[in-house]
Structures are given as structure tokens and as C-alpha cells.
Protein backbone atom coordinates (compact mmCIF):
# COMPACT_ATOMS: atom_id res chain seq x y z
CA MET A 1 -61.45 -124.54 72.95
CA THR A 2 -57.80 -123.76 72.26
CA ALA A 3 -56.13 -124.74 69.02
CA SER A 4 -52.87 -126.59 69.28
CA LEU A 5 -49.77 -125.58 67.35
CA THR A 6 -50.15 -128.45 64.88
CA GLN A 7 -53.70 -127.48 64.00
CA SER A 8 -52.73 -123.90 63.10
CA ARG A 9 -50.01 -124.97 60.64
CA PRO A 10 -50.88 -126.16 57.14
CA VAL A 11 -50.85 -129.90 56.66
CA GLY A 12 -49.47 -131.33 53.40
CA HIS A 13 -49.86 -134.76 51.80
CA ALA A 14 -50.01 -137.78 54.09
CA GLY A 15 -50.51 -135.60 57.18
CA VAL A 16 -46.98 -134.14 57.06
CA ILE A 17 -46.78 -130.63 58.49
CA ALA A 18 -45.58 -128.26 55.78
CA ASP A 19 -43.11 -125.50 56.65
CA VAL A 20 -44.53 -122.04 56.17
CA PRO A 21 -42.11 -119.74 54.30
CA ASP A 22 -41.09 -116.57 56.07
CA PRO A 23 -43.27 -113.74 54.72
CA GLU A 24 -40.67 -111.11 55.68
CA VAL A 25 -39.01 -109.39 52.72
CA PRO A 26 -35.18 -109.37 52.90
CA ALA A 27 -33.58 -105.99 53.58
CA LYS A 28 -31.56 -106.01 50.37
CA ALA A 29 -32.52 -107.96 47.28
CA THR A 30 -29.81 -109.94 45.55
CA ARG A 31 -29.54 -110.26 41.79
CA ARG A 32 -29.94 -113.78 40.49
CA ARG A 33 -27.00 -115.15 38.51
CA PHE A 34 -27.22 -117.99 36.05
CA SER A 35 -24.27 -119.96 34.70
CA ALA A 36 -23.81 -120.53 30.96
CA ALA A 37 -24.44 -124.26 31.39
CA TYR A 38 -27.72 -123.59 33.20
CA LYS A 39 -28.86 -121.15 30.52
CA LEU A 40 -28.10 -123.63 27.74
CA ARG A 41 -29.89 -126.44 29.59
CA ILE A 42 -33.02 -124.33 30.11
CA VAL A 43 -33.08 -123.17 26.48
CA ALA A 44 -32.73 -126.79 25.31
CA GLU A 45 -35.53 -127.94 27.64
CA TYR A 46 -37.75 -125.03 26.54
CA ASP A 47 -37.20 -125.81 22.86
CA ALA A 48 -37.85 -129.53 23.42
CA ALA A 49 -41.16 -128.92 25.21
CA THR A 50 -44.02 -129.83 22.83
CA GLU A 51 -46.90 -130.61 25.20
CA PRO A 52 -49.45 -127.82 25.72
CA GLY A 53 -48.50 -125.88 28.85
CA ALA A 54 -45.09 -127.58 29.22
CA LYS A 55 -43.16 -124.40 28.47
CA GLY A 56 -45.10 -122.41 31.04
CA ALA A 57 -44.64 -125.19 33.60
CA LEU A 58 -40.88 -125.12 32.99
CA LEU A 59 -40.75 -121.35 33.49
CA ARG A 60 -42.82 -121.54 36.69
CA ARG A 61 -40.74 -124.42 38.06
CA GLU A 62 -37.49 -122.52 37.48
CA GLY A 63 -38.88 -119.10 38.44
CA LEU A 64 -38.02 -117.57 35.07
CA TYR A 65 -39.68 -115.32 32.54
CA SER A 66 -40.02 -115.95 28.83
CA SER A 67 -37.79 -112.92 28.21
CA HIS A 68 -34.93 -114.83 29.88
CA VAL A 69 -35.27 -117.67 27.40
CA ILE A 70 -35.55 -115.26 24.45
CA GLU A 71 -32.36 -113.44 25.43
CA TRP A 72 -30.46 -116.65 26.13
CA ARG A 73 -31.58 -118.20 22.84
CA ARG A 74 -30.55 -115.09 20.91
CA ALA A 75 -27.11 -115.13 22.56
CA ARG A 76 -26.73 -118.84 21.82
CA ASP A 77 -27.70 -118.38 18.16
CA GLU A 78 -25.22 -115.53 17.75
CA GLY A 79 -22.49 -117.84 19.04
CA ALA A 80 -22.01 -115.71 22.11
CA LEU A 81 -21.64 -118.55 24.58
CA GLY A 82 -18.98 -116.53 26.37
CA ALA A 83 -21.46 -113.66 26.67
CA LEU A 84 -23.88 -115.97 28.46
CA ASP A 85 -21.43 -116.37 31.32
CA ARG A 86 -19.92 -112.89 31.40
CA LYS A 87 -19.54 -111.08 34.67
CA ARG A 88 -21.19 -107.72 35.14
CA GLY A 89 -19.37 -104.60 36.21
CA ARG A 90 -15.95 -103.15 35.70
CA LYS A 91 -13.36 -105.17 33.81
CA PRO A 92 -10.31 -106.27 35.80
CA ALA A 93 -7.23 -104.11 35.24
CA GLU A 94 -4.69 -106.57 33.89
CA ASP A 95 -2.99 -104.22 31.47
CA ARG A 96 0.72 -103.88 32.20
CA ASP A 97 0.92 -100.24 31.10
CA ALA A 98 -2.02 -99.23 33.30
CA GLU A 99 -0.40 -100.93 36.29
CA LEU A 100 2.90 -99.18 35.55
CA ALA A 101 1.18 -95.78 35.33
CA ARG A 102 -0.64 -96.42 38.62
CA LEU A 103 2.61 -97.31 40.37
CA ARG A 104 4.35 -94.20 38.96
CA ARG A 105 1.57 -91.93 40.28
CA ARG A 106 1.85 -93.62 43.67
CA ALA A 107 5.64 -93.10 43.72
CA GLU A 108 5.26 -89.42 42.77
CA ARG A 109 2.77 -88.87 45.61
CA ALA A 110 5.09 -90.60 48.08
CA GLU A 111 8.05 -88.47 46.95
CA ALA A 112 5.99 -85.27 47.32
CA GLU A 113 4.97 -86.28 50.86
CA LEU A 114 8.61 -87.09 51.70
CA ALA A 115 9.78 -83.67 50.45
CA LYS A 116 7.10 -81.96 52.56
CA ALA A 117 8.13 -83.96 55.64
CA ARG A 118 11.80 -83.06 55.11
CA LYS A 119 10.94 -79.34 54.87
CA THR A 120 8.90 -79.57 58.06
CA ILE A 121 11.75 -81.28 59.92
CA ASP A 122 14.21 -78.66 58.62
CA VAL A 123 11.97 -75.78 59.80
CA GLN A 124 11.50 -77.41 63.21
CA GLY A 125 15.28 -77.77 63.57
CA LYS A 126 15.82 -74.09 62.73
CA VAL A 127 13.10 -72.99 65.16
CA PHE A 128 14.67 -75.09 67.91
CA ALA A 129 18.13 -73.62 67.24
CA LEU A 130 16.70 -70.07 67.25
CA LEU A 131 14.86 -70.61 70.53
CA GLU A 132 17.95 -72.13 72.08
CA THR A 133 20.05 -69.12 71.00
CA LEU A 134 17.45 -66.71 72.34
CA SER A 135 17.26 -68.46 75.69
CA GLU A 136 21.05 -68.41 76.09
CA SER A 137 21.40 -64.73 75.19
CA ALA A 138 18.60 -63.56 77.41
CA GLU A 139 19.79 -61.89 80.59
CA PRO A 140 18.36 -63.24 83.74
CA THR A 141 15.92 -60.80 85.21
CA PRO A 142 16.49 -59.85 88.81
CA GLU A 143 13.79 -60.89 91.18
CA PRO A 144 11.84 -58.05 92.69
CA LYS A 145 12.71 -57.20 96.24
CA PRO A 146 9.96 -57.69 98.76
CA LYS A 147 8.59 -54.51 100.29
CA PRO A 148 8.97 -54.17 104.02
């Protein structure tokens, strides 16, 4: 007896066929990011939970750990709401002096490359003039006479 496709898939409530999640692990994991509003909402819900097991249910539903809530609560209590939403990584370079210094270095490099190119063109011109002078001053060589 052969099993049909519908019999091999799990069946949920009311006979609805449930989708099976893909068991394949993604090639590169992505870091989860939470907005400040989300963090504050979760901390408020966590603190308001009084029923036994409600806090654990909230964490499981949201896919969080208790350490998340502890860190977010600590940041909220310190008044670091801006820190809750901060971006990770290098700070954007908005400083006017840093931009000016970067542009000056770029201009110096471009001027050095221009000077090098001018020297190369000058040397090539001199070599061409020398070769031209040599070719004009060279005496034509007589062709050898064929032997009888």
C-alpha cells in the first residue's frame, strides 16, 4: 500500500495540513535587531506578567532569553533609551575637520601621481627626440653585392 502525499505531512487542527518548516540551516546567520519601541514593550509586558509561567510563555512566544529583558530593563532604568536603539559598528564620519583632512590627503596623492605622469611624458619625449636624431644621422649602409 502506498502512502499519499497528504498522509505523509502532519495534519493540524480541523484537518488542515500544516506546513513543515525547512530543516536546512541558512548558510550565514543574521543577527537579530530589536527596535527601542519593541524592547520597551517587551519589558513592560514582562513586568506586568503576574500569572505563574506567564513570563516564560512571553519569552518563548517572542523567542527571547531572560538576559535580553534584564539588559533592556537596566538600560531603561538608567535612562538610556537612546542606547536601546543604537546602531552597532563604526560611527559615521560627520566631522568637518576629518572630511577636510581626507580631501587634502586625496589631493596630495593626485598631485603626486600627476607629477609622476608629467616626468614620464617628458622622458618619453626626450627618448623620441634622441631616436629621431640618431636615425637621421645614421648613414645608410650599402647593400651587399650578390656573389656571382
